[in-house]
PDB file of N, CA and C in Angstrom:
ATOM      1  N   UNK A   1       9.391 -22.021   3.438  1.00  0.00           N
ATOM      2  CA  UNK A   1       8.434 -21.356   4.286  1.00  0.00           C
ATOM      3  C   UNK A   1       7.997 -20.059   3.607  1.00  0.00           C
ATOM      4  N   UNK A   2       6.700 -19.808   3.602  1.00  0.00           N
ATOM      5  CA  UNK A   2       6.157 -18.600   2.970  1.00  0.00           C
ATOM      6  C   UNK A   2       6.315 -17.402   3.906  1.00  0.00           C
ATOM      7  N   UNK A   3       6.557 -16.276   3.317  1.00  0.00           N
ATOM      8  CA  UNK A   3       6.654 -15.034   4.078  1.00  0.00           C
ATOM      9  C   UNK A   3       5.242 -14.525   4.318  1.00  0.00           C
ATOM     10  N   UNK A   4       4.921 -14.201   5.563  1.00  0.00           N
ATOM     11  CA  UNK A   4       3.603 -13.667   5.873  1.00  0.00           C
ATOM     12  C   UNK A   4       3.659 -12.144   5.838  1.00  0.00           C
ATOM     13  N   UNK A   5       2.721 -11.560   5.130  1.00  0.00           N
ATOM     14  CA  UNK A   5       2.656 -10.107   5.008  1.00  0.00           C
ATOM     15  C   UNK A   5       1.414  -9.622   5.748  1.00  0.00           C
ATOM     16  N   UNK A   6       1.588  -8.638   6.591  1.00  0.00           N
ATOM     17  CA  UNK A   6       0.456  -8.084   7.328  1.00  0.00           C
ATOM     18  C   UNK A   6      -0.561  -7.529   6.331  1.00  0.00           C
ATOM     19  N   UNK A   7      -1.859  -7.795   6.563  1.00  0.00           N
ATOM     20  CA  UNK A   7      -2.891  -7.331   5.627  1.00  0.00           C
ATOM     21  C   UNK A   7      -2.859  -5.837   5.333  1.00  0.00           C
ATOM     22  N   UNK A   8      -2.372  -5.050   6.270  1.00  0.00           N
ATOM     23  CA  UNK A   8      -2.344  -3.603   6.043  1.00  0.00           C
ATOM     24  C   UNK A   8      -1.351  -3.207   4.954  1.00  0.00           C
ATOM     25  N   UNK A   9      -0.445  -4.115   4.585  1.00  0.00           N
ATOM     26  CA  UNK A   9       0.508  -3.832   3.513  1.00  0.00           C
ATOM     27  C   UNK A   9      -0.059  -4.134   2.129  1.00  0.00           C
ATOM     28  N   UNK A  10      -1.162  -4.845   2.088  1.00  0.00           N
ATOM     29  CA  UNK A  10      -1.778  -5.192   0.810  1.00  0.00           C
ATOM     30  C   UNK A  10      -2.488  -3.954   0.252  1.00  0.00           C
ATOM     31  N   UNK A  11      -2.327  -3.731  -1.039  1.00  0.00           N
ATOM     32  CA  UNK A  11      -2.938  -2.575  -1.683  1.00  0.00           C
ATOM     33  C   UNK A  11      -3.809  -3.055  -2.835  1.00  0.00           C
ATOM     34  N   UNK A  12      -4.917  -2.377  -3.028  1.00  0.00           N
ATOM     35  CA  UNK A  12      -5.812  -2.687  -4.146  1.00  0.00           C
ATOM     36  C   UNK A  12      -5.036  -2.486  -5.442  1.00  0.00           C
ATOM     37  N   UNK A  13      -5.079  -3.482  -6.319  1.00  0.00           N
ATOM     38  CA  UNK A  13      -4.313  -3.426  -7.563  1.00  0.00           C
ATOM     39  C   UNK A  13      -4.687  -2.209  -8.401  1.00  0.00           C
ATOM     40  N   UNK A  14      -5.952  -1.853  -8.416  1.00  0.00           N
ATOM     41  CA  UNK A  14      -6.395  -0.700  -9.205  1.00  0.00           C
ATOM     42  C   UNK A  14      -5.810   0.610  -8.700  1.00  0.00           C
ATOM     43  N   UNK A  15      -5.768   0.758  -7.381  1.00  0.00           N
ATOM     44  CA  UNK A  15      -5.195   1.990  -6.814  1.00  0.00           C
ATOM     45  C   UNK A  15      -3.709   2.093  -7.133  1.00  0.00           C
ATOM     46  N   UNK A  16      -3.020   0.959  -7.073  1.00  0.00           N
ATOM     47  CA  UNK A  16      -1.604   0.951  -7.423  1.00  0.00           C
ATOM     48  C   UNK A  16      -1.414   1.292  -8.898  1.00  0.00           C
ATOM     49  N   UNK A  17      -2.223   0.684  -9.746  1.00  0.00           N
ATOM     50  CA  UNK A  17      -2.138   0.971 -11.177  1.00  0.00           C
ATOM     51  C   UNK A  17      -2.379   2.449 -11.468  1.00  0.00           C
ATOM     52  N   UNK A  18      -3.341   3.027 -10.780  1.00  0.00           N
ATOM     53  CA  UNK A  18      -3.673   4.434 -11.013  1.00  0.00           C
ATOM     54  C   UNK A  18      -2.473   5.334 -10.749  1.00  0.00           C
ATOM     55  N   UNK A  19      -1.857   5.173  -9.578  1.00  0.00           N
ATOM     56  CA  UNK A  19      -0.769   6.084  -9.212  1.00  0.00           C
ATOM     57  C   UNK A  19       0.557   5.737  -9.875  1.00  0.00           C
ATOM     58  N   UNK A  20       0.883   4.450  -9.924  1.00  0.00           N
ATOM     59  CA  UNK A  20       2.204   4.040 -10.385  1.00  0.00           C
ATOM     60  C   UNK A  20       2.315   3.832 -11.894  1.00  0.00           C
ATOM     61  N   UNK A  21       1.217   3.594 -12.562  1.00  0.00           N
ATOM     62  CA  UNK A  21       1.271   3.289 -13.988  1.00  0.00           C
ATOM     63  C   UNK A  21       0.502   4.319 -14.819  1.00  0.00           C
ATOM     64  N   UNK A  22      -0.790   4.423 -14.587  1.00  0.00           N
ATOM     65  CA  UNK A  22      -1.640   5.272 -15.437  1.00  0.00           C
ATOM     66  C   UNK A  22      -1.241   6.739 -15.324  1.00  0.00           C
ATOM     67  N   UNK A  23      -1.246   7.282 -14.110  1.00  0.00           N
ATOM     68  CA  UNK A  23      -0.880   8.690 -13.927  1.00  0.00           C
ATOM     69  C   UNK A  23       0.580   8.941 -14.283  1.00  0.00           C
ATOM     70  N   UNK A  24       1.445   7.976 -13.953  1.00  0.00           N
ATOM     71  CA  UNK A  24       2.872   8.128 -14.250  1.00  0.00           C
ATOM     72  C   UNK A  24       3.133   8.233 -15.756  1.00  0.00           C
ATOM     73  N   UNK A  25       2.259   7.642 -16.556  1.00  0.00           N
ATOM     74  CA  UNK A  25       2.398   7.698 -18.013  1.00  0.00           C
ATOM     75  C   UNK A  25       1.533   8.796 -18.638  1.00  0.00           C
ATOM     76  N   UNK A  26       0.862   9.573 -17.795  1.00  0.00           N
ATOM     77  CA  UNK A  26       0.064  10.685 -18.296  1.00  0.00           C
ATOM     78  C   UNK A  26      -1.151  10.277 -19.118  1.00  0.00           C
ATOM     79  N   UNK A  27      -1.704   9.112 -18.806  1.00  0.00           N
ATOM     80  CA  UNK A  27      -2.869   8.615 -19.537  1.00  0.00           C
ATOM     81  C   UNK A  27      -4.131   8.966 -18.753  1.00  0.00           C
ATOM     82  N   UNK A  28      -5.124   9.516 -19.429  1.00  0.00           N
ATOM     83  CA  UNK A  28      -6.382   9.855 -18.761  1.00  0.00           C
ATOM     84  C   UNK A  28      -7.292   8.631 -18.683  1.00  0.00           C
ATOM     85  N   UNK A  29      -8.265   8.698 -17.795  1.00  0.00           N
ATOM     86  CA  UNK A  29      -9.236   7.611 -17.672  1.00  0.00           C
ATOM     87  C   UNK A  29     -10.024   7.468 -18.972  1.00  0.00           C
ATOM     88  N   UNK A  30     -10.343   8.573 -19.611  1.00  0.00           N
ATOM     89  CA  UNK A  30     -11.058   8.504 -20.888  1.00  0.00           C
ATOM     90  C   UNK A  30     -10.232   7.791 -21.951  1.00  0.00           C
ATOM     91  N   UNK A  31      -8.951   8.127 -22.043  1.00  0.00           N
ATOM     92  CA  UNK A  31      -8.065   7.466 -23.019  1.00  0.00           C
ATOM     93  C   UNK A  31      -7.952   5.972 -22.726  1.00  0.00           C
ATOM     94  N   UNK A  32      -7.824   5.660 -21.452  1.00  0.00           N
ATOM     95  CA  UNK A  32      -7.691   4.267 -21.041  1.00  0.00           C
ATOM     96  C   UNK A  32      -8.970   3.480 -21.371  1.00  0.00           C
ATOM     97  N   UNK A  33     -10.109   4.050 -21.045  1.00  0.00           N
ATOM     98  CA  UNK A  33     -11.392   3.386 -21.327  1.00  0.00           C
ATOM     99  C   UNK A  33     -11.546   3.135 -22.821  1.00  0.00           C
ATOM    100  N   UNK A  34     -11.195   4.112 -23.627  1.00  0.00           N
ATOM    101  CA  UNK A  34     -11.313   3.960 -25.076  1.00  0.00           C
ATOM    102  C   UNK A  34     -10.362   2.869 -25.591  1.00  0.00           C
ATOM    103  N   UNK A  35      -9.131   2.890 -25.122  1.00  0.00           N
ATOM    104  CA  UNK A  35      -8.149   1.896 -25.561  1.00  0.00           C
ATOM    105  C   UNK A  35      -8.541   0.482 -25.124  1.00  0.00           C
ATOM    106  N   UNK A  36      -9.146   0.368 -23.938  1.00  0.00           N
ATOM    107  CA  UNK A  36      -9.516  -0.938 -23.404  1.00  0.00           C
ATOM    108  C   UNK A  36     -10.867  -1.420 -23.924  1.00  0.00           C
ATOM    109  N   UNK A  37     -11.644  -0.512 -24.540  1.00  0.00           N
ATOM    110  CA  UNK A  37     -12.965  -0.893 -25.021  1.00  0.00           C
ATOM    111  C   UNK A  37     -13.964  -1.112 -23.907  1.00  0.00           C
ATOM    112  N   UNK A  38     -13.825  -0.336 -22.826  1.00  0.00           N
ATOM    113  CA  UNK A  38     -14.745  -0.426 -21.689  1.00  0.00           C
ATOM    114  C   UNK A  38     -15.262   0.974 -21.369  1.00  0.00           C
ATOM    115  N   UNK A  39     -16.256   1.040 -20.503  1.00  0.00           N
ATOM    116  CA  UNK A  39     -16.804   2.345 -20.136  1.00  0.00           C
ATOM    117  C   UNK A  39     -15.853   3.076 -19.195  1.00  0.00           C
ATOM    118  N   UNK A  40     -15.967   4.393 -19.201  1.00  0.00           N
ATOM    119  CA  UNK A  40     -15.178   5.225 -18.291  1.00  0.00           C
ATOM    120  C   UNK A  40     -15.511   4.861 -16.842  1.00  0.00           C
ATOM    121  N   UNK A  41     -16.784   4.588 -16.588  1.00  0.00           N
ATOM    122  CA  UNK A  41     -17.225   4.252 -15.229  1.00  0.00           C
ATOM    123  C   UNK A  41     -16.574   2.960 -14.729  1.00  0.00           C
ATOM    124  N   UNK A  42     -16.470   1.964 -15.606  1.00  0.00           N
ATOM    125  CA  UNK A  42     -15.903   0.689 -15.149  1.00  0.00           C
ATOM    126  C   UNK A  42     -14.412   0.812 -14.861  1.00  0.00           C
ATOM    127  N   UNK A  43     -13.676   1.539 -15.685  1.00  0.00           N
ATOM    128  CA  UNK A  43     -12.240   1.683 -15.437  1.00  0.00           C
ATOM    129  C   UNK A  43     -12.001   2.584 -14.221  1.00  0.00           C
ATOM    130  N   UNK A  44     -12.843   3.591 -14.055  1.00  0.00           N
ATOM    131  CA  UNK A  44     -12.729   4.471 -12.893  1.00  0.00           C
ATOM    132  C   UNK A  44     -12.986   3.699 -11.596  1.00  0.00           C
ATOM    133  N   UNK A  45     -13.971   2.810 -11.612  1.00  0.00           N
ATOM    134  CA  UNK A  45     -14.281   2.016 -10.420  1.00  0.00           C
ATOM    135  C   UNK A  45     -13.102   1.135 -10.021  1.00  0.00           C
ATOM    136  N   UNK A  46     -12.425   0.563 -10.991  1.00  0.00           N
ATOM    137  CA  UNK A  46     -11.247  -0.268 -10.701  1.00  0.00           C
ATOM    138  C   UNK A  46     -10.112   0.595 -10.164  1.00  0.00           C
ATOM    139  N   UNK A  47      -9.801   1.688 -10.857  1.00  0.00           N
ATOM    140  CA  UNK A  47      -8.659   2.523 -10.468  1.00  0.00           C
ATOM    141  C   UNK A  47      -8.855   3.238  -9.138  1.00  0.00           C
ATOM    142  N   UNK A  48     -10.103   3.410  -8.733  1.00  0.00           N
ATOM    143  CA  UNK A  48     -10.372   4.065  -7.447  1.00  0.00           C
ATOM    144  C   UNK A  48     -10.690   3.078  -6.335  1.00  0.00           C
ATOM    145  N   UNK A  49     -10.521   1.779  -6.631  1.00  0.00           N
ATOM    146  CA  UNK A  49     -10.674   0.753  -5.598  1.00  0.00           C
ATOM    147  C   UNK A  49     -12.098   0.407  -5.238  1.00  0.00           C
ATOM    148  N   UNK A  50     -13.063   0.794  -6.064  1.00  0.00           N
ATOM    149  CA  UNK A  50     -14.474   0.486  -5.775  1.00  0.00           C
ATOM    150  C   UNK A  50     -14.881  -0.883  -6.322  1.00  0.00           C
ATOM    151  N   UNK A  51     -14.107  -1.403  -7.268  1.00  0.00           N
ATOM    152  CA  UNK A  51     -14.369  -2.698  -7.894  1.00  0.00           C
ATOM    153  C   UNK A  51     -13.055  -3.470  -7.975  1.00  0.00           C
ATOM    154  N   UNK A  52     -13.148  -4.770  -7.818  1.00  0.00           N
ATOM    155  CA  UNK A  52     -11.957  -5.614  -7.928  1.00  0.00           C
ATOM    156  C   UNK A  52     -11.427  -5.613  -9.354  1.00  0.00           C
ATOM    157  N   UNK A  53     -10.133  -5.768  -9.474  1.00  0.00           N
ATOM    158  CA  UNK A  53      -9.504  -5.905 -10.784  1.00  0.00           C
ATOM    159  C   UNK A  53      -9.721  -7.339 -11.261  1.00  0.00           C
ATOM    160  N   UNK A  54     -10.388  -7.507 -12.382  1.00  0.00           N
ATOM    161  CA  UNK A  54     -10.634  -8.841 -12.936  1.00  0.00           C
ATOM    162  C   UNK A  54      -9.402  -9.323 -13.698  1.00  0.00           C
ATOM    163  N   UNK A  55      -9.360 -10.624 -13.950  1.00  0.00           N
ATOM    164  CA  UNK A  55      -8.264 -11.190 -14.744  1.00  0.00           C
ATOM    165  C   UNK A  55      -8.277 -10.602 -16.150  1.00  0.00           C
ATOM    166  N   UNK A  56      -9.463 -10.408 -16.704  1.00  0.00           N
ATOM    167  CA  UNK A  56      -9.598  -9.826 -18.038  1.00  0.00           C
ATOM    168  C   UNK A  56      -9.005  -8.411 -18.078  1.00  0.00           C
ATOM    169  N   UNK A  57      -9.319  -7.621 -17.076  1.00  0.00           N
ATOM    170  CA  UNK A  57      -8.800  -6.259 -17.020  1.00  0.00           C
ATOM    171  C   UNK A  57      -7.290  -6.272 -16.783  1.00  0.00           C
ATOM    172  N   UNK A  58      -6.816  -7.228 -15.994  1.00  0.00           N
ATOM    173  CA  UNK A  58      -5.371  -7.343 -15.756  1.00  0.00           C
ATOM    174  C   UNK A  58      -4.636  -7.616 -17.068  1.00  0.00           C
ATOM    175  N   UNK A  59      -5.217  -8.441 -17.916  1.00  0.00           N
ATOM    176  CA  UNK A  59      -4.598  -8.728 -19.219  1.00  0.00           C
ATOM    177  C   UNK A  59      -4.563  -7.469 -20.077  1.00  0.00           C
ATOM    178  N   UNK A  60      -5.609  -6.662 -20.013  1.00  0.00           N
ATOM    179  CA  UNK A  60      -5.627  -5.402 -20.763  1.00  0.00           C
ATOM    180  C   UNK A  60      -4.492  -4.484 -20.309  1.00  0.00           C
ATOM    181  N   UNK A  61      -4.280  -4.406 -18.989  1.00  0.00           N
ATOM    182  CA  UNK A  61      -3.180  -3.592 -18.470  1.00  0.00           C
ATOM    183  C   UNK A  61      -1.830  -4.154 -18.904  1.00  0.00           C
ATOM    184  N   UNK A  62      -1.723  -5.472 -18.956  1.00  0.00           N
ATOM    185  CA  UNK A  62      -0.487  -6.095 -19.414  1.00  0.00           C
ATOM    186  C   UNK A  62      -0.192  -5.697 -20.860  1.00  0.00           C
ATOM    187  N   UNK A  63      -1.202  -5.738 -21.700  1.00  0.00           N
ATOM    188  CA  UNK A  63      -1.010  -5.374 -23.112  1.00  0.00           C
ATOM    189  C   UNK A  63      -0.669  -3.891 -23.257  1.00  0.00           C
ATOM    190  N   UNK A  64      -1.321  -3.054 -22.472  1.00  0.00           N
ATOM    191  CA  UNK A  64      -1.142  -1.608 -22.604  1.00  0.00           C
ATOM    192  C   UNK A  64       0.156  -1.092 -21.987  1.00  0.00           C
ATOM    193  N   UNK A  65       0.557  -1.673 -20.843  1.00  0.00           N
ATOM    194  CA  UNK A  65       1.680  -1.103 -20.093  1.00  0.00           C
ATOM    195  C   UNK A  65       2.818  -2.085 -19.798  1.00  0.00           C
ATOM    196  N   UNK A  66       2.623  -3.357 -20.117  1.00  0.00           N
ATOM    197  CA  UNK A  66       3.676  -4.336 -19.868  1.00  0.00           C
ATOM    198  C   UNK A  66       3.751  -4.866 -18.453  1.00  0.00           C
ATOM    199  N   UNK A  67       2.772  -4.533 -17.623  1.00  0.00           N
ATOM    200  CA  UNK A  67       2.727  -5.050 -16.249  1.00  0.00           C
ATOM    201  C   UNK A  67       2.123  -6.445 -16.313  1.00  0.00           C
ATOM    202  N   UNK A  68       2.787  -7.432 -15.755  1.00  0.00           N
ATOM    203  CA  UNK A  68       2.322  -8.818 -15.850  1.00  0.00           C
ATOM    204  C   UNK A  68       0.946  -8.991 -15.199  1.00  0.00           C
ATOM    205  N   UNK A  69       0.035  -9.584 -15.944  1.00  0.00           N
ATOM    206  CA  UNK A  69      -1.321  -9.824 -15.444  1.00  0.00           C
ATOM    207  C   UNK A  69      -1.293 -10.698 -14.192  1.00  0.00           C
ATOM    208  N   UNK A  70      -0.408 -11.681 -14.167  1.00  0.00           N
ATOM    209  CA  UNK A  70      -0.314 -12.569 -13.004  1.00  0.00           C
ATOM    210  C   UNK A  70       0.034 -11.789 -11.741  1.00  0.00           C
ATOM    211  N   UNK A  71       0.923 -10.833 -11.861  1.00  0.00           N
ATOM    212  CA  UNK A  71       1.309 -10.005 -10.719  1.00  0.00           C
ATOM    213  C   UNK A  71       0.116  -9.203 -10.225  1.00  0.00           C
ATOM    214  N   UNK A  72      -0.625  -8.616 -11.160  1.00  0.00           N
ATOM    215  CA  UNK A  72      -1.787  -7.813 -10.784  1.00  0.00           C
ATOM    216  C   UNK A  72      -2.873  -8.653 -10.128  1.00  0.00           C
ATOM    217  N   UNK A  73      -3.104  -9.842 -10.653  1.00  0.00           N
ATOM    218  CA  UNK A  73      -4.124 -10.727 -10.083  1.00  0.00           C
ATOM    219  C   UNK A  73      -3.714 -11.175  -8.681  1.00  0.00           C
ATOM    220  N   UNK A  74      -2.438 -11.497  -8.489  1.00  0.00           N
ATOM    221  CA  UNK A  74      -1.955 -11.870  -7.147  1.00  0.00           C
ATOM    222  C   UNK A  74      -2.084 -10.695  -6.185  1.00  0.00           C
ATOM    223  N   UNK A  75      -1.758  -9.503  -6.643  1.00  0.00           N
ATOM    224  CA  UNK A  75      -1.875  -8.311  -5.812  1.00  0.00           C
ATOM    225  C   UNK A  75      -3.328  -8.124  -5.369  1.00  0.00           C
ATOM    226  N   UNK A  76      -4.256  -8.277  -6.300  1.00  0.00           N
ATOM    227  CA  UNK A  76      -5.675  -8.114  -5.985  1.00  0.00           C
ATOM    228  C   UNK A  76      -6.145  -9.190  -5.010  1.00  0.00           C
ATOM    229  N   UNK A  77      -5.703 -10.430  -5.213  1.00  0.00           N
ATOM    230  CA  UNK A  77      -6.099 -11.528  -4.327  1.00  0.00           C
ATOM    231  C   UNK A  77      -5.581 -11.308  -2.905  1.00  0.00           C
ATOM    232  N   UNK A  78      -4.336 -10.846  -2.783  1.00  0.00           N
ATOM    233  CA  UNK A  78      -3.776 -10.564  -1.450  1.00  0.00           C
ATOM    234  C   UNK A  78      -4.572  -9.462  -0.751  1.00  0.00           C
ATOM    235  N   UNK A  79      -4.945  -8.449  -1.510  1.00  0.00           N
ATOM    236  CA  UNK A  79      -5.725  -7.353  -0.949  1.00  0.00           C
ATOM    237  C   UNK A  79      -7.073  -7.877  -0.438  1.00  0.00           C
ATOM    238  N   UNK A  80      -7.759  -8.651  -1.264  1.00  0.00           N
ATOM    239  CA  UNK A  80      -9.078  -9.161  -0.886  1.00  0.00           C
ATOM    240  C   UNK A  80      -9.000 -10.123   0.291  1.00  0.00           C
ATOM    241  N   UNK A  81      -7.979 -10.979   0.318  1.00  0.00           N
ATOM    242  CA  UNK A  81      -7.811 -11.886   1.441  1.00  0.00           C
ATOM    243  C   UNK A  81      -7.501 -11.105   2.721  1.00  0.00           C
ATOM    244  N   UNK A  82      -6.687 -10.081   2.614  1.00  0.00           N
ATOM    245  CA  UNK A  82      -6.394  -9.244   3.781  1.00  0.00           C
ATOM    246  C   UNK A  82      -7.637  -8.589   4.330  1.00  0.00           C
ATOM    247  N   UNK A  83      -8.496  -8.097   3.438  1.00  0.00           N
ATOM    248  CA  UNK A  83      -9.762  -7.486   3.872  1.00  0.00           C
ATOM    249  C   UNK A  83     -10.658  -8.524   4.540  1.00  0.00           C
ATOM    250  N   UNK A  84     -10.711  -9.731   3.994  1.00  0.00           N
ATOM    251  CA  UNK A  84     -11.529 -10.790   4.577  1.00  0.00           C
ATOM    252  C   UNK A  84     -10.991 -11.206   5.945  1.00  0.00           C
ATOM    253  N   UNK A  85      -9.667 -11.255   6.084  1.00  0.00           N
ATOM    254  CA  UNK A  85      -9.062 -11.642   7.364  1.00  0.00           C
ATOM    255  C   UNK A  85      -9.385 -10.646   8.478  1.00  0.00           C
ATOM    256  N   UNK A  86      -9.635  -9.402   8.121  1.00  0.00           N
ATOM    257  CA  UNK A  86      -9.995  -8.398   9.129  1.00  0.00           C
ATOM    258  C   UNK A  86     -11.289  -8.777   9.850  1.00  0.00           C
ATOM    259  N   UNK A  87     -12.126  -9.600   9.211  1.00  0.00           N
ATOM    260  CA  UNK A  87     -13.420  -9.986   9.777  1.00  0.00           C
ATOM    261  C   UNK A  87     -13.504 -11.485  10.038  1.00  0.00           C
ATOM    262  N   UNK A  88     -12.360 -12.138  10.037  1.00  0.00           N
ATOM    263  CA  UNK A  88     -12.327 -13.592  10.206  1.00  0.00           C
ATOM    264  C   UNK A  88     -12.946 -14.041  11.519  1.00  0.00           C
ATOM    265  N   UNK A  89     -12.744 -13.286  12.577  1.00  0.00           N
ATOM    266  CA  UNK A  89     -13.270 -13.665  13.885  1.00  0.00           C
ATOM    267  C   UNK A  89     -14.796 -13.696  13.904  1.00  0.00           C
ATOM    268  N   UNK A  90     -15.428 -12.979  12.993  1.00  0.00           N
ATOM    269  CA  UNK A  90     -16.886 -12.954  12.927  1.00  0.00           C
ATOM    270  C   UNK A  90     -17.477 -14.201  12.273  1.00  0.00           C
ATOM    271  N   UNK A  91     -16.637 -15.000  11.626  1.00  0.00           N
ATOM    272  CA  UNK A  91     -17.106 -16.201  10.945  1.00  0.00           C
ATOM    273  C   UNK A  91     -17.205 -17.353  11.941  1.00  0.00           C
ATOM    274  N   UNK A  92     -18.393 -17.837  12.140  1.00  0.00           N
ATOM    275  CA  UNK A  92     -18.612 -18.925  13.091  1.00  0.00           C
ATOM    276  C   UNK A  92     -18.797 -20.228  12.325  1.00  0.00           C
ATOM    277  N   UNK A  93     -17.698 -20.715  11.787  1.00  0.00           N
ATOM    278  CA  UNK A  93     -17.732 -21.934  10.983  1.00  0.00           C
ATOM    279  C   UNK A  93     -17.000 -23.033  11.746  1.00  0.00           C
ATOM    280  N   UNK A  94     -17.714 -24.137  12.059  1.00  0.00           N
ATOM    281  CA  UNK A  94     -17.059 -25.224  12.787  1.00  0.00           C
ATOM    282  C   UNK A  94     -16.189 -26.061  11.853  1.00  0.00           C
ATOM    283  N   UNK A  95     -15.214 -26.741  12.429  1.00  0.00           N
ATOM    284  CA  UNK A  95     -14.385 -27.657  11.655  1.00  0.00           C
ATOM    285  C   UNK A  95     -15.215 -28.885  11.305  1.00  0.00           C
ATOM    286  N   UNK A  96     -15.094 -29.344  10.079  1.00  0.00           N
ATOM    287  CA  UNK A  96     -15.822 -30.531   9.635  1.00  0.00           C
ATOM    288  C   UNK A  96     -14.909 -31.747   9.536  1.00  0.00           C
ATOM    289  N   UNK A  97     -13.684 -31.588  10.023  1.00  0.00           N
ATOM    290  CA  UNK A  97     -12.715 -32.676   9.997  1.00  0.00           C
ATOM    291  C   UNK A  97     -12.675 -33.311  11.380  1.00  0.00           C
ATOM    292  N   UNK A  98     -12.858 -34.627  11.423  1.00  0.00           N
ATOM    293  CA  UNK A  98     -12.833 -35.335  12.699  1.00  0.00           C
ATOM    294  C   UNK A  98     -11.444 -35.266  13.310  1.00  0.00           C
ATOM    295  N   UNK A  99     -11.406 -35.057  14.610  1.00  0.00           N
ATOM    296  CA  UNK A  99     -10.122 -34.946  15.312  1.00  0.00           C
ATOM    297  C   UNK A  99      -9.487 -36.282  15.566  1.00  0.00           C
TER     298      UNK A  99
END
């Protein structure tokens, strides 16, 4: 049986990376952007929760800090699903399976 986690416990992977990994290692956004070969704006958007963490970016974090990309991708998916569930009642989709 799977453990159900309340959506409010899900955290954006980028926000977690910012506080627990990037800042903890004293790495600036500029240094990170240069090392990753991306713009400062794109890495800032991920770390501040304005953009989803992509699988490609998760692999970059894995190479740079040793955090498993799979863990980061699962964290991001849980966060996004939790956000979607907050508005699930607004979805008026009928069942297409015959009873």
